[in-house]
Protein backbone atom coordinates (compact mmCIF):
# COMPACT_ATOMS: atom_id res chain seq x y z
CA MET A 1 -8.79 59.40 12.54
CA THR A 2 -6.44 59.50 15.70
CA GLY A 3 -8.83 57.13 17.38
CA VAL A 4 -8.68 54.71 14.50
CA GLN A 5 -4.93 54.91 14.48
CA THR A 6 -4.83 54.30 18.31
CA ASP A 7 -6.98 51.24 17.96
CA ALA A 8 -4.86 49.90 15.21
CA ASP A 9 -1.62 50.52 17.04
CA ALA A 10 -3.11 48.88 20.25
CA THR A 11 -4.10 45.72 18.04
CA ILE A 12 -0.55 45.46 16.56
CA ALA A 13 1.03 45.87 19.95
CA GLU A 14 -1.22 43.30 21.51
CA MET A 15 -0.32 40.93 18.42
CA GLN A 16 3.42 41.56 19.03
CA ARG A 17 2.99 40.72 22.82
CA GLU A 18 1.28 37.44 21.95
CA LEU A 19 3.96 36.57 19.50
CA ASP A 20 6.64 37.43 22.12
CA ASP A 21 4.89 35.29 24.54
CA LEU A 22 4.72 32.32 22.11
CA ARG A 23 8.43 32.85 21.35
CA ARG A 24 9.28 32.39 25.08
CA GLN A 25 6.99 29.30 25.32
CA VAL A 26 8.73 27.69 22.16
CA ALA A 27 12.05 28.52 23.62
CA ALA A 28 11.14 26.92 26.96
CA TRP A 29 9.67 23.89 25.12
CA ARG A 30 12.79 23.32 23.07
CA THR A 31 14.89 23.54 26.30
CA ARG A 32 12.74 21.02 27.99
CA TYR A 33 11.77 18.65 25.30
CA ASP A 34 13.58 19.07 21.98
CA ALA A 35 16.85 17.31 22.91
CA GLY A 36 14.90 14.06 23.52
CA ALA A 37 12.85 14.42 20.45
CA ARG A 38 15.74 13.95 17.91
CA ARG A 39 15.64 11.22 15.25
CA ASP A 40 18.32 10.62 12.73
CA LEU A 41 15.60 11.06 9.95
CA ASN A 42 14.79 14.56 10.52
CA PHE A 43 14.73 15.72 6.99
CA THR A 44 12.13 15.56 4.16
CA ASN A 45 12.77 13.42 1.02
CA SER A 46 14.43 16.61 -0.33
CA ALA A 47 16.80 16.74 2.68
CA LYS A 48 14.96 19.86 4.05
CA GLU A 49 15.57 20.10 7.70
CA VAL A 50 12.44 19.54 9.51
CA GLY A 51 11.81 21.06 13.02
CA PRO A 52 9.99 19.21 15.74
CA VAL A 53 7.12 21.85 16.05
CA TYR A 54 5.68 24.55 13.84
CA THR A 55 3.93 27.59 15.22
CA ALA A 56 2.80 31.12 14.04
CA LEU A 57 6.36 32.19 14.62
CA ASP A 58 7.33 30.25 11.50
CA LEU A 59 5.05 32.44 9.35
CA GLU A 60 6.26 35.68 10.55
CA GLY A 61 6.58 38.07 7.59
CA SER A 62 4.32 35.60 5.43
CA ALA A 63 0.59 36.19 5.18
CA GLY A 64 0.42 32.51 4.25
CA THR A 65 -3.08 31.88 2.91
CA ALA A 66 -4.90 33.69 5.68
CA LEU A 67 -6.11 36.22 3.10
CA GLU A 68 -6.84 33.80 0.33
CA VAL A 69 -9.78 31.58 -0.74
CA PRO A 70 -10.09 28.87 -3.17
CA GLY A 71 -10.64 29.76 -6.79
CA GLU A 72 -9.01 33.21 -6.67
CA PHE A 73 -5.57 34.43 -7.52
CA PRO A 74 -2.90 33.26 -6.72
CA TYR A 75 -4.63 29.80 -6.46
CA THR A 76 -2.66 28.48 -3.68
CA ARG A 77 -5.76 26.93 -2.39
CA GLY A 78 -7.01 25.44 -5.58
CA ILE A 79 -8.30 26.75 -8.85
CA HIS A 80 -11.88 25.92 -8.36
CA PRO A 81 -13.93 27.80 -5.62
CA THR A 82 -15.75 24.69 -4.51
CA GLY A 83 -12.95 22.11 -4.67
CA TYR A 84 -14.13 18.62 -5.16
CA ARG A 85 -17.65 19.36 -3.86
CA GLY A 86 -18.67 20.59 -7.34
CA ARG A 87 -16.75 17.85 -9.20
CA LEU A 88 -14.41 14.99 -8.28
CA TRP A 89 -10.98 14.70 -9.74
CA THR A 90 -10.77 12.65 -12.97
CA MET A 91 -9.78 9.13 -12.10
CA ARG A 92 -7.34 7.85 -14.73
CA GLN A 93 -5.43 4.57 -15.03
CA PHE A 94 -2.39 4.36 -17.29
CA ALA A 95 -2.84 1.26 -19.61
CA GLY A 96 -1.24 -0.05 -22.53
CA PHE A 97 0.27 -3.39 -23.55
CA GLY A 98 0.69 -5.68 -26.46
CA SER A 99 -1.58 -4.90 -29.53
CA ALA A 100 -4.18 -2.18 -30.06
CA LYS A 101 -6.84 -4.75 -29.68
CA GLU A 102 -5.68 -6.24 -26.38
CA THR A 103 -5.25 -2.68 -24.82
CA ASN A 104 -8.86 -1.72 -26.17
CA GLU A 105 -10.19 -4.67 -24.05
CA ARG A 106 -8.36 -3.27 -20.93
CA TYR A 107 -9.80 0.19 -21.62
CA LYS A 108 -13.28 -1.21 -21.74
CA PHE A 109 -12.60 -3.03 -18.48
CA LEU A 110 -11.59 0.07 -16.79
CA LEU A 111 -14.37 2.17 -18.03
CA GLU A 112 -16.90 -0.53 -16.86
CA HIS A 113 -15.26 -0.24 -13.31
CA GLY A 114 -15.40 3.44 -12.89
CA THR A 115 -12.40 5.10 -14.62
CA THR A 116 -13.55 8.38 -15.80
CA GLY A 117 -10.62 9.01 -18.21
CA LEU A 118 -8.28 7.05 -20.25
CA SER A 119 -4.35 7.27 -20.12
CA VAL A 120 -2.36 5.65 -23.09
CA ALA A 121 0.89 3.93 -22.27
CA PHE A 122 2.93 3.34 -25.37
CA ASP A 123 5.73 1.02 -25.97
CA PHE A 124 9.25 1.89 -26.33
CA PRO A 125 9.34 1.74 -30.19
CA THR A 126 6.29 4.20 -30.35
CA LEU A 127 7.89 6.43 -27.81
CA MET A 128 10.80 6.74 -29.87
CA GLY A 129 9.06 7.12 -33.27
CA TYR A 130 9.67 3.59 -34.68
CA ASP A 131 7.35 1.18 -36.45
CA SER A 132 6.72 -2.25 -34.88
CA ASP A 133 8.59 -3.86 -37.66
CA HIS A 134 11.63 -1.50 -37.52
CA ALA A 135 14.98 -3.35 -36.74
CA ARG A 136 15.54 -1.20 -33.59
CA SER A 137 11.94 -2.32 -32.23
CA GLU A 138 12.94 -5.93 -31.86
CA GLY A 139 12.11 -7.34 -28.50
CA GLU A 140 10.25 -4.38 -27.31
CA VAL A 141 6.97 -4.50 -29.17
CA GLY A 142 4.08 -4.16 -26.87
CA LYS A 143 6.25 -4.90 -23.76
CA CYS A 144 5.85 -1.76 -21.64
CA GLY A 145 2.89 -0.19 -23.51
CA VAL A 146 0.62 -0.48 -26.59
CA ALA A 147 2.22 -0.67 -30.02
CA ILE A 148 0.83 2.11 -32.27
CA SER A 149 2.40 2.33 -35.77
CA SER A 150 -0.38 4.08 -37.76
CA LEU A 151 -3.85 5.41 -37.87
CA ALA A 152 -5.23 1.82 -38.22
CA ASP A 153 -3.66 0.90 -34.74
CA MET A 154 -5.23 4.03 -33.36
CA GLU A 155 -8.58 3.04 -34.76
CA ALA A 156 -8.29 -0.37 -33.15
CA LEU A 157 -7.10 0.91 -29.93
CA PHE A 158 -10.39 3.04 -29.34
CA GLU A 159 -12.87 0.82 -31.28
CA GLY A 160 -16.32 0.88 -29.57
CA ILE A 161 -15.17 3.82 -27.27
CA PRO A 162 -16.84 7.17 -28.44
CA LEU A 163 -14.02 9.66 -28.45
CA GLY A 164 -16.42 12.47 -28.16
CA ASP A 165 -17.52 11.34 -24.73
CA VAL A 166 -14.08 10.32 -23.03
CA SER A 167 -11.16 12.36 -21.93
CA THR A 168 -7.92 10.80 -23.09
CA SER A 169 -4.28 11.50 -22.01
CA MET A 170 -1.42 10.34 -24.07
CA THR A 171 2.07 9.86 -22.67
CA ILE A 172 4.11 10.53 -25.70
CA ASN A 173 6.96 13.20 -26.33
CA GLY A 174 9.47 12.95 -29.14
CA PRO A 175 6.77 12.00 -31.82
CA ALA A 176 3.77 13.43 -29.93
CA ILE A 177 2.57 15.48 -32.78
CA ILE A 178 2.26 12.26 -34.95
CA LEU A 179 0.24 10.39 -32.33
CA TRP A 180 -1.86 13.29 -31.83
CA CYS A 181 -2.73 13.49 -35.39
CA PHE A 182 -3.49 9.72 -35.47
CA TYR A 183 -5.91 10.50 -32.50
CA ILE A 184 -7.59 13.36 -34.38
CA ALA A 185 -7.88 11.29 -37.52
CA ALA A 186 -9.23 8.29 -35.62
CA ALA A 187 -12.04 10.52 -34.04
CA GLU A 188 -12.92 11.84 -37.44
CA LYS A 189 -13.35 8.11 -38.72
CA GLN A 190 -15.85 7.78 -35.78
CA GLY A 191 -17.57 11.20 -36.92
CA VAL A 192 -16.39 13.23 -33.97
CA PRO A 193 -14.92 16.48 -35.00
CA ALA A 194 -11.69 17.89 -33.57
CA GLU A 195 -13.38 20.63 -31.60
CA LYS A 196 -15.13 18.16 -29.53
CA LEU A 197 -12.17 16.16 -28.41
CA ARG A 198 -11.01 16.33 -24.69
CA GLY A 199 -7.73 15.27 -23.38
CA THR A 200 -4.09 15.79 -23.28
CA VAL A 201 -0.75 14.94 -24.99
CA GLN A 202 2.11 15.12 -22.83
CA ASN A 203 4.31 16.53 -25.57
CA ASP A 204 6.99 18.06 -23.04
CA ILE A 205 10.28 17.63 -24.92
CA LEU A 206 12.40 19.67 -22.70
CA LYS A 207 12.11 17.32 -19.86
CA GLU A 208 13.04 14.28 -22.23
CA TYR A 209 16.34 15.97 -22.84
CA MET A 210 16.69 16.48 -19.14
CA ALA A 211 15.42 13.14 -17.62
CA GLN A 212 13.58 10.66 -19.66
CA HIS A 213 15.47 10.43 -22.95
CA ALA A 214 12.60 9.53 -25.51
CA TRP A 215 13.32 12.17 -28.12
CA CYS A 216 13.54 12.25 -31.96
CA PHE A 217 14.74 15.60 -33.15
CA PRO A 218 17.10 18.23 -31.99
CA ILE A 219 15.90 20.75 -29.35
CA GLU A 220 15.12 23.66 -31.63
CA PRO A 221 12.93 21.92 -34.34
CA ALA A 222 11.33 19.90 -31.59
CA LEU A 223 10.24 23.32 -29.84
CA ARG A 224 8.92 24.43 -33.21
CA LEU A 225 6.69 21.45 -33.43
CA ILE A 226 5.24 22.06 -30.09
CA VAL A 227 4.59 25.65 -30.83
CA ASP A 228 2.91 24.53 -34.06
CA MET A 229 0.73 22.45 -31.88
CA PHE A 230 -0.19 25.35 -29.70
CA GLU A 231 -1.17 27.49 -32.66
CA TRP A 232 -3.23 24.76 -34.47
CA GLY A 233 -4.69 23.41 -31.31
CA ALA A 234 -5.91 26.79 -30.11
CA LYS A 235 -8.14 27.17 -33.30
CA HIS A 236 -9.13 23.56 -33.98
CA THR A 237 -8.97 21.68 -30.48
CA PRO A 238 -10.16 24.26 -27.96
CA GLN A 239 -10.77 21.56 -25.30
CA TRP A 240 -7.66 19.72 -25.78
CA ASN A 241 -4.36 20.38 -23.66
CA THR A 242 -1.58 20.43 -26.35
CA ILE A 243 1.12 19.99 -23.69
CA SER A 244 1.44 18.50 -20.10
CA ILE A 245 4.50 19.95 -18.67
CA SER A 246 5.76 17.09 -16.69
CA GLY A 247 7.73 17.16 -13.49
CA TYR A 248 6.86 13.45 -13.08
CA HIS A 249 9.82 12.08 -15.14
CA ILE A 250 12.23 14.67 -13.65
CA ARG A 251 11.31 13.59 -10.22
CA GLU A 252 11.45 9.78 -11.11
CA ALA A 253 15.03 10.44 -12.39
CA GLY A 254 16.14 11.49 -8.90
CA ALA A 255 15.24 15.23 -8.57
CA THR A 256 14.14 16.64 -5.17
CA ALA A 257 10.62 18.18 -4.73
CA ALA A 258 11.98 21.70 -5.05
CA GLN A 259 14.04 20.64 -8.20
CA GLU A 260 10.85 18.98 -9.77
CA LEU A 261 9.10 22.21 -8.93
CA ALA A 262 11.60 24.68 -10.26
CA PHE A 263 12.73 22.70 -13.44
CA THR A 264 9.08 21.85 -14.47
CA LEU A 265 7.97 25.45 -14.07
CA ALA A 266 11.10 26.72 -15.93
CA ASP A 267 10.33 24.47 -18.93
CA GLY A 268 6.80 25.78 -18.71
CA PHE A 269 8.01 29.47 -18.85
CA THR A 270 10.23 28.57 -21.79
CA TYR A 271 7.19 27.08 -23.89
CA VAL A 272 5.29 30.51 -23.08
CA GLU A 273 8.26 32.44 -24.22
CA ARG A 274 8.42 30.45 -27.43
CA GLY A 275 4.68 30.81 -28.10
CA ILE A 276 5.06 34.51 -27.42
CA ALA A 277 8.04 34.68 -29.89
CA ARG A 278 5.94 33.01 -32.58
CA GLY A 279 3.51 35.91 -32.52
CA LEU A 280 0.79 34.04 -30.36
CA ALA A 281 -0.98 36.13 -27.77
CA VAL A 282 -0.44 34.59 -24.52
CA ASP A 283 -3.97 34.16 -23.63
CA ASP A 284 -4.72 32.42 -26.82
CA PHE A 285 -2.66 29.31 -25.87
CA ALA A 286 -1.64 29.55 -22.11
CA PRO A 287 -5.31 28.49 -21.00
CA ARG A 288 -4.60 25.08 -22.63
CA LEU A 289 -1.19 24.50 -20.89
CA SER A 290 -1.40 21.82 -18.23
CA PHE A 291 1.15 20.23 -15.88
CA PHE A 292 1.95 16.64 -14.58
CA TRP A 293 3.28 16.19 -11.04
CA ASP A 294 4.90 13.06 -9.29
CA VAL A 295 3.43 12.44 -5.73
CA HIS A 296 6.19 10.99 -3.72
CA ASN A 297 6.30 9.47 -0.16
CA ASP A 298 6.91 12.66 1.86
CA PHE A 299 3.34 13.37 2.63
CA PHE A 300 3.42 17.09 3.68
CA GLU A 301 6.19 18.16 1.26
CA GLU A 302 4.11 16.84 -1.70
CA ILE A 303 0.89 18.71 -0.67
CA ALA A 304 3.20 21.94 -0.07
CA LYS A 305 4.75 21.35 -3.54
CA LEU A 306 1.45 21.29 -5.41
CA ARG A 307 0.23 24.40 -3.40
CA ALA A 308 3.39 26.32 -4.34
CA ALA A 309 3.18 25.30 -7.88
CA ARG A 310 -0.12 27.00 -8.40
CA ARG A 311 0.92 30.09 -6.58
CA ILE A 312 4.20 30.50 -8.62
CA TRP A 313 2.53 29.83 -12.10
CA ALA A 314 -0.17 32.37 -11.29
CA ARG A 315 2.25 35.09 -10.26
CA HIS A 316 4.63 34.53 -13.23
CA MET A 317 1.81 34.29 -15.77
CA ARG A 318 0.15 37.52 -14.64
CA ASP A 319 3.01 39.62 -13.69
CA ARG A 320 6.01 38.49 -15.92
CA PHE A 321 4.04 37.20 -18.95
CA LYS A 322 1.20 39.87 -18.59
CA ALA A 323 -1.62 37.33 -19.12
CA LYS A 324 -5.01 39.04 -18.69
CA ASP A 325 -7.24 35.95 -18.93
CA PRO A 326 -7.51 34.46 -15.28
CA ARG A 327 -7.43 30.99 -17.21
CA SER A 328 -3.98 31.70 -18.07
CA TRP A 329 -3.15 32.04 -14.46
CA MET A 330 -4.72 28.89 -13.29
CA MET A 331 -2.44 25.81 -13.18
CA ARG A 332 -4.47 22.86 -14.12
CA PHE A 333 -2.63 19.46 -13.35
CA HIS A 334 -2.58 15.67 -13.40
CA SER A 335 -0.72 13.73 -10.69
CA GLN A 336 0.56 10.18 -10.63
CA THR A 337 1.67 8.35 -7.63
CA ALA A 338 5.47 7.68 -7.67
CA GLY A 339 6.60 4.77 -9.57
CA VAL A 340 10.01 5.07 -8.23
CA THR A 341 8.88 4.34 -4.68
CA LEU A 342 7.28 0.95 -5.66
CA THR A 343 9.47 -2.01 -4.48
CA ALA A 344 9.81 -5.48 -5.84
CA GLN A 345 10.22 -6.70 -2.32
CA GLN A 346 6.89 -7.17 -0.34
CA PRO A 347 4.86 -5.78 -3.35
CA MET A 348 1.78 -5.62 -1.15
CA ASN A 349 3.32 -2.67 0.61
CA ASN A 350 2.90 -0.83 -2.73
CA VAL A 351 -0.82 -0.64 -2.07
CA VAL A 352 -0.13 1.28 1.26
CA ARG A 353 2.44 3.54 -0.40
CA VAL A 354 -0.08 4.55 -3.32
CA ALA A 355 -2.91 5.20 -0.91
CA TYR A 356 -0.96 7.76 0.94
CA GLN A 357 0.39 9.29 -2.14
CA ALA A 358 -3.21 9.49 -3.65
CA LEU A 359 -4.24 11.24 -0.45
CA ALA A 360 -1.56 13.71 -0.57
CA ALA A 361 -2.36 14.48 -4.21
CA THR A 362 -6.10 15.24 -3.49
CA LEU A 363 -5.20 17.13 -0.30
CA GLY A 364 -2.95 19.21 -2.68
CA GLY A 365 -5.89 19.87 -5.06
CA THR A 366 -5.00 17.67 -8.09
CA GLN A 367 -7.65 17.79 -11.06
CA SER A 368 -6.81 14.25 -12.28
CA LEU A 369 -5.05 11.28 -10.73
CA HIS A 370 -3.52 7.97 -11.79
CA THR A 371 -2.79 5.47 -8.99
CA ASN A 372 0.02 2.92 -9.64
CA SER A 373 -0.69 -0.75 -9.33
CA MET A 374 1.26 -2.78 -6.78
CA ASP A 375 2.89 -4.95 -9.37
CA GLU A 376 4.15 -2.26 -11.87
CA THR A 377 7.73 -2.68 -10.56
CA LEU A 378 7.68 -6.30 -11.65
CA ALA A 379 5.51 -6.33 -14.79
CA LEU A 380 2.65 -4.67 -16.62
CA PRO A 381 -0.24 -4.67 -14.07
CA THR A 382 -2.68 -7.42 -13.96
CA GLU A 383 -6.50 -6.58 -14.04
CA GLN A 384 -6.83 -7.36 -10.42
CA ALA A 385 -3.99 -5.03 -9.48
CA VAL A 386 -5.36 -2.30 -11.53
CA GLN A 387 -8.68 -2.74 -9.95
CA VAL A 388 -7.22 -2.35 -6.49
CA ALA A 389 -5.43 0.82 -7.66
CA LEU A 390 -8.71 2.30 -8.99
CA ARG A 391 -10.55 1.29 -5.89
CA THR A 392 -7.92 3.12 -3.89
CA GLN A 393 -9.21 6.31 -5.61
CA GLN A 394 -12.88 5.49 -5.28
CA VAL A 395 -12.46 4.85 -1.41
CA LEU A 396 -10.74 8.04 -1.11
CA ALA A 397 -13.44 9.96 -3.11
CA TYR A 398 -16.53 8.38 -1.43
CA GLU A 399 -15.53 7.14 2.00
CA THR A 400 -13.09 9.55 3.70
CA GLY A 401 -14.73 12.92 3.49
CA VAL A 402 -11.57 14.55 1.86
CA PRO A 403 -13.60 16.09 -1.01
CA ASN A 404 -15.83 17.87 1.52
CA VAL A 405 -13.53 20.84 2.07
CA SER A 406 -11.18 22.80 -0.17
CA ASP A 407 -7.51 22.96 0.89
CA PRO A 408 -8.29 21.43 4.19
CA LEU A 409 -4.70 21.82 5.34
CA GLY A 410 -4.50 25.43 4.46
CA GLY A 411 -3.45 27.34 7.55
CA SER A 412 -1.39 24.45 9.12
CA TYR A 413 1.81 26.15 10.28
CA TYR A 414 4.00 23.27 8.88
CA VAL A 415 2.25 23.14 5.35
CA GLU A 416 2.18 26.87 5.10
CA ARG A 417 5.84 27.12 6.01
CA LEU A 418 6.85 24.29 3.50
CA THR A 419 4.88 25.86 0.84
CA ASP A 420 6.72 29.13 1.35
CA GLU A 421 9.98 27.49 1.46
CA LEU A 422 9.50 25.58 -1.65
CA GLU A 423 8.38 28.62 -3.39
CA ALA A 424 11.50 30.45 -2.23
CA ASP A 425 13.64 27.32 -3.33
CA ALA A 426 12.17 27.38 -6.79
CA GLU A 427 12.74 31.11 -7.38
CA ALA A 428 16.30 30.62 -6.37
CA LEU A 429 16.70 27.83 -8.81
CA PHE A 430 15.08 29.86 -11.58
CA ALA A 431 17.91 32.46 -10.88
CA GLU A 432 20.46 29.80 -11.31
CA ILE A 433 18.92 28.56 -14.53
CA ASP A 434 18.83 32.13 -15.72
CA GLY A 435 22.48 32.50 -14.67
CA VAL A 436 23.56 29.66 -17.14
CA GLY A 437 21.57 31.15 -20.07
CA GLY A 438 18.03 29.70 -19.61
CA VAL A 439 16.58 26.17 -19.97
CA VAL A 440 17.87 25.27 -23.51
CA ASN A 441 21.44 26.39 -22.67
CA ALA A 442 21.43 24.65 -19.31
CA LEU A 443 20.40 21.48 -21.14
CA GLU A 444 22.94 21.83 -23.83
CA ALA A 445 25.56 22.35 -21.14
CA GLY A 446 24.47 19.42 -18.96
CA TRP A 447 23.67 21.73 -16.05
CA LEU A 448 20.30 20.56 -15.28
CA GLN A 449 21.22 16.80 -15.87
CA ARG A 450 23.87 17.18 -13.42
CA LYS A 451 21.69 18.58 -10.63
CA ILE A 452 19.37 15.72 -11.13
CA SER A 453 22.17 13.15 -11.00
CA GLU A 454 23.62 14.62 -7.87
CA SER A 455 20.13 14.52 -6.02
CA ALA A 456 19.64 10.89 -7.03
CA MET A 457 23.11 9.80 -5.86
CA ARG A 458 22.49 11.46 -2.63
CA GLN A 459 19.04 9.82 -2.08
CA GLN A 460 20.65 6.38 -3.07
CA TRP A 461 23.38 6.81 -0.62
CA GLU A 462 20.84 7.71 2.25
CA ILE A 463 19.08 4.41 1.55
CA GLU A 464 22.28 2.28 1.48
CA GLN A 465 23.31 3.84 4.70
CA GLN A 466 19.98 3.44 6.16
CA ARG A 467 19.54 6.94 6.91
CA ARG A 468 16.36 6.49 4.82
CA VAL A 469 14.26 3.54 5.55
CA ILE A 470 12.42 1.71 2.84
CA VAL A 471 10.09 -0.81 4.40
CA GLY A 472 10.90 -4.27 3.16
CA VAL A 473 14.01 -3.17 1.46
CA ASN A 474 16.49 -2.10 3.93
CA ALA A 475 14.43 -2.71 7.04
CA PHE A 476 11.76 -5.07 8.12
CA GLU A 477 12.90 -7.60 5.39
CA THR A 478 11.47 -11.18 5.08
CA ASP A 479 12.57 -14.19 3.19
CA GLU A 480 9.14 -14.69 1.69
CA SER A 481 8.96 -15.62 -2.11
CA LEU A 482 6.84 -13.61 -4.46
CA SER A 483 3.18 -14.18 -3.76
CA ILE A 484 1.34 -12.30 -6.42
CA PRO A 485 0.41 -13.23 -9.97
CA LEU A 486 2.07 -11.35 -12.87
CA LEU A 487 0.90 -10.53 -16.34
CA LYS A 488 2.51 -12.49 -19.03
CA MET A 489 2.94 -11.12 -22.49
CA ASP A 490 1.93 -13.29 -25.59
CA GLU A 491 5.01 -13.19 -27.98
CA GLU A 492 2.48 -13.90 -30.78
CA ALA A 493 1.40 -10.35 -30.57
CA THR A 494 4.70 -9.06 -32.04
CA ARG A 495 4.40 -11.19 -35.08
CA GLU A 496 0.77 -10.45 -35.53
CA GLN A 497 1.51 -6.67 -35.38
CA GLY A 498 4.19 -7.14 -38.04
CA LEU A 499 1.60 -8.78 -40.25
CA ARG A 500 -0.96 -5.91 -39.75
CA LEU A 501 1.73 -3.45 -40.75
CA GLN A 502 2.56 -5.52 -43.89
CA ARG A 503 -1.20 -5.81 -45.00
CA LEU A 504 -1.55 -1.93 -44.30
CA ARG A 505 1.29 -1.16 -46.80
CA GLU A 506 -0.02 -3.50 -49.32
CA THR A 507 -3.60 -2.07 -49.40
CA ARG A 508 -3.10 1.71 -48.75
CA ASP A 509 -2.73 4.13 -51.61
CA SER A 510 1.09 4.44 -51.86
CA ALA A 511 1.11 7.10 -54.21
CA THR A 512 -0.77 9.40 -51.98
CA CYS A 513 1.34 8.43 -49.01
CA THR A 514 4.47 9.53 -50.81
CA ALA A 515 2.96 12.76 -52.19
CA ASN A 516 1.86 13.57 -48.68
CA LEU A 517 5.19 12.88 -47.14
CA ASP A 518 6.82 14.84 -49.85
CA ARG A 519 4.41 17.83 -48.91
CA LEU A 520 5.47 17.41 -45.27
CA ARG A 521 9.15 17.72 -46.01
CA THR A 522 8.66 20.99 -47.97
CA ALA A 523 6.50 22.40 -45.14
CA ALA A 524 9.15 21.49 -42.76
CA ARG A 525 11.86 23.23 -44.71
CA GLY A 526 9.86 26.31 -44.49
CA SER A 527 7.94 28.15 -41.70
CA GLU A 528 4.38 26.80 -42.24
CA ASN A 529 2.57 25.10 -39.49
CA VAL A 530 3.20 21.39 -40.10
CA VAL A 531 0.17 19.98 -38.30
CA PRO A 532 -2.22 20.02 -41.51
CA TYR A 533 0.50 18.11 -43.35
CA ILE A 534 1.03 15.46 -40.63
CA LEU A 535 -2.74 15.03 -40.48
CA ALA A 536 -2.66 14.42 -44.31
CA CYS A 537 -0.06 11.90 -43.80
CA ALA A 538 -1.99 10.20 -40.98
CA ARG A 539 -5.21 10.06 -43.03
CA SER A 540 -3.60 8.42 -45.93
CA TYR A 541 -2.16 5.69 -43.55
CA CYS A 542 1.51 6.73 -43.60
CA THR A 543 3.22 4.99 -40.67
CA LEU A 544 4.82 6.53 -37.57
CA TYR A 545 8.32 5.89 -38.71
CA GLU A 546 7.64 7.19 -42.33
CA ILE A 547 6.45 10.59 -40.86
CA ARG A 548 9.28 10.70 -38.26
CA ALA A 549 11.83 9.81 -41.26
CA ALA A 550 10.43 12.63 -43.34
CA LEU A 551 10.72 15.16 -40.56
CA GLU A 552 14.19 13.84 -39.63
CA ASP A 553 15.35 14.40 -43.29
CA VAL A 554 14.89 18.03 -42.62
CA PHE A 555 15.53 18.46 -38.95
CA GLY A 556 18.12 15.89 -38.28
CA ALA A 557 18.20 13.43 -35.38
CA TYR A 558 19.23 14.39 -31.75
CA ARG A 559 22.47 12.92 -30.37
CA GLU A 560 23.03 13.52 -26.68
CA PRO A 561 26.27 15.24 -25.79
CA VAL A 562 28.49 13.51 -23.09
CA PHE A 563 28.26 15.46 -19.95
CA PHE A 564 29.60 13.01 -17.26
């Protein structure tokens, strides 16, 4: 035993001598070269100071991922042992405009060109729970997404697309439970049972109050609806993700990478707490929780953010929430390139931005990816722009060699240090959120909203002061006129959508609709799970706003407090 101890002590002593030697080398290097290596832009997108060189010294006290392999707790290096060698990420393209029929044609175009999953963009009226012919929908129908006001529209949206064979993501939050029921009912019409459906509904209402503002009901009843979906979905749609906890919109509103990481995960923990409070076993619903991250311009920071996210989620789910199923520890997530980084000036530059962001997403181990089209800051994307965005993913998947190795930047001094720092930053922010009473209290007090606003203002100031260069905007400008085609919307689509709704109301069984809406109100007043009642409304062709209004009769409407 003494001999073993002596050998171990000698090894430790040798390692310490090597670190001391490295410390002297780095000090000498800094004396000779560091002064001449300074730039004004020596910080990440999140204003995190970046050193000119990283070595083993930066990982002292941290094992980094030296003792980790992909596919094992805490999943810093990825949730799948073989990474993309076994299966590539799902290639999604966010699409939706005009009528359900027009968007259906775009979906078929995408599927024919290699998209492996569909992602539905809804127009503003749908996002807010209004029918296309509601007074508040005027001027917005089909403009930034597809108009869906009933099961009939959902059927048209997926006509000729077998819902048992595709994975569908729906970006909808306030009225998410209603659109989800429309989708389930549309699948039933195709003969596809709910248990065979694969996909995700975003359904992350906490980030709506924080950043995006597409809400319907006050916070507590909105959380109840989400837990109803957890409960019903665990039994009836086992392959469906009933929530995609979204950092994307938090980041687009101006949050830093660390804030996106912390605020999104804090939302996720809140949903877990609410599910447990309902009496659900954590392992019954946590495996179907998914996440959605923004992938911004700062290449290494974004990779580190995704690695840190997996690690934090795994540790909290196992150690804090006592989940026993490894599937509950694994963070599964979709990523999208950063819409806020797209510029109207020199829009072809956006192709380059998106390519680098997509590379960061895959090096960070995303399971699903949407690449933005170069023209999205100007209009809904043209088919040509969408095809270039999709081809960006395909070149990455099939020509670069990136999928061949799991977590290829694991062990990089810089990436490991950033991963550790972002984890520490997130934990510090969790403590601050707890200090103001948790996520719900922080929202009601405006604390979270102010944090994001302050970060957004700092970033805008940096751009205006040219401390942060945006190519083609505050540097390298040209006087060239816009040289790319834009998609033009047909105003006739709004009129046709209104006529379809009119015909629907005239031909459906109105008595059945009224009875189903009354039963929904009764269920909402009590403690029953409301999913079966909303499904009944959907099947009888109640409209989106009729269902929203029935719930609003019971829950009331959300009115944002004034914080600023």
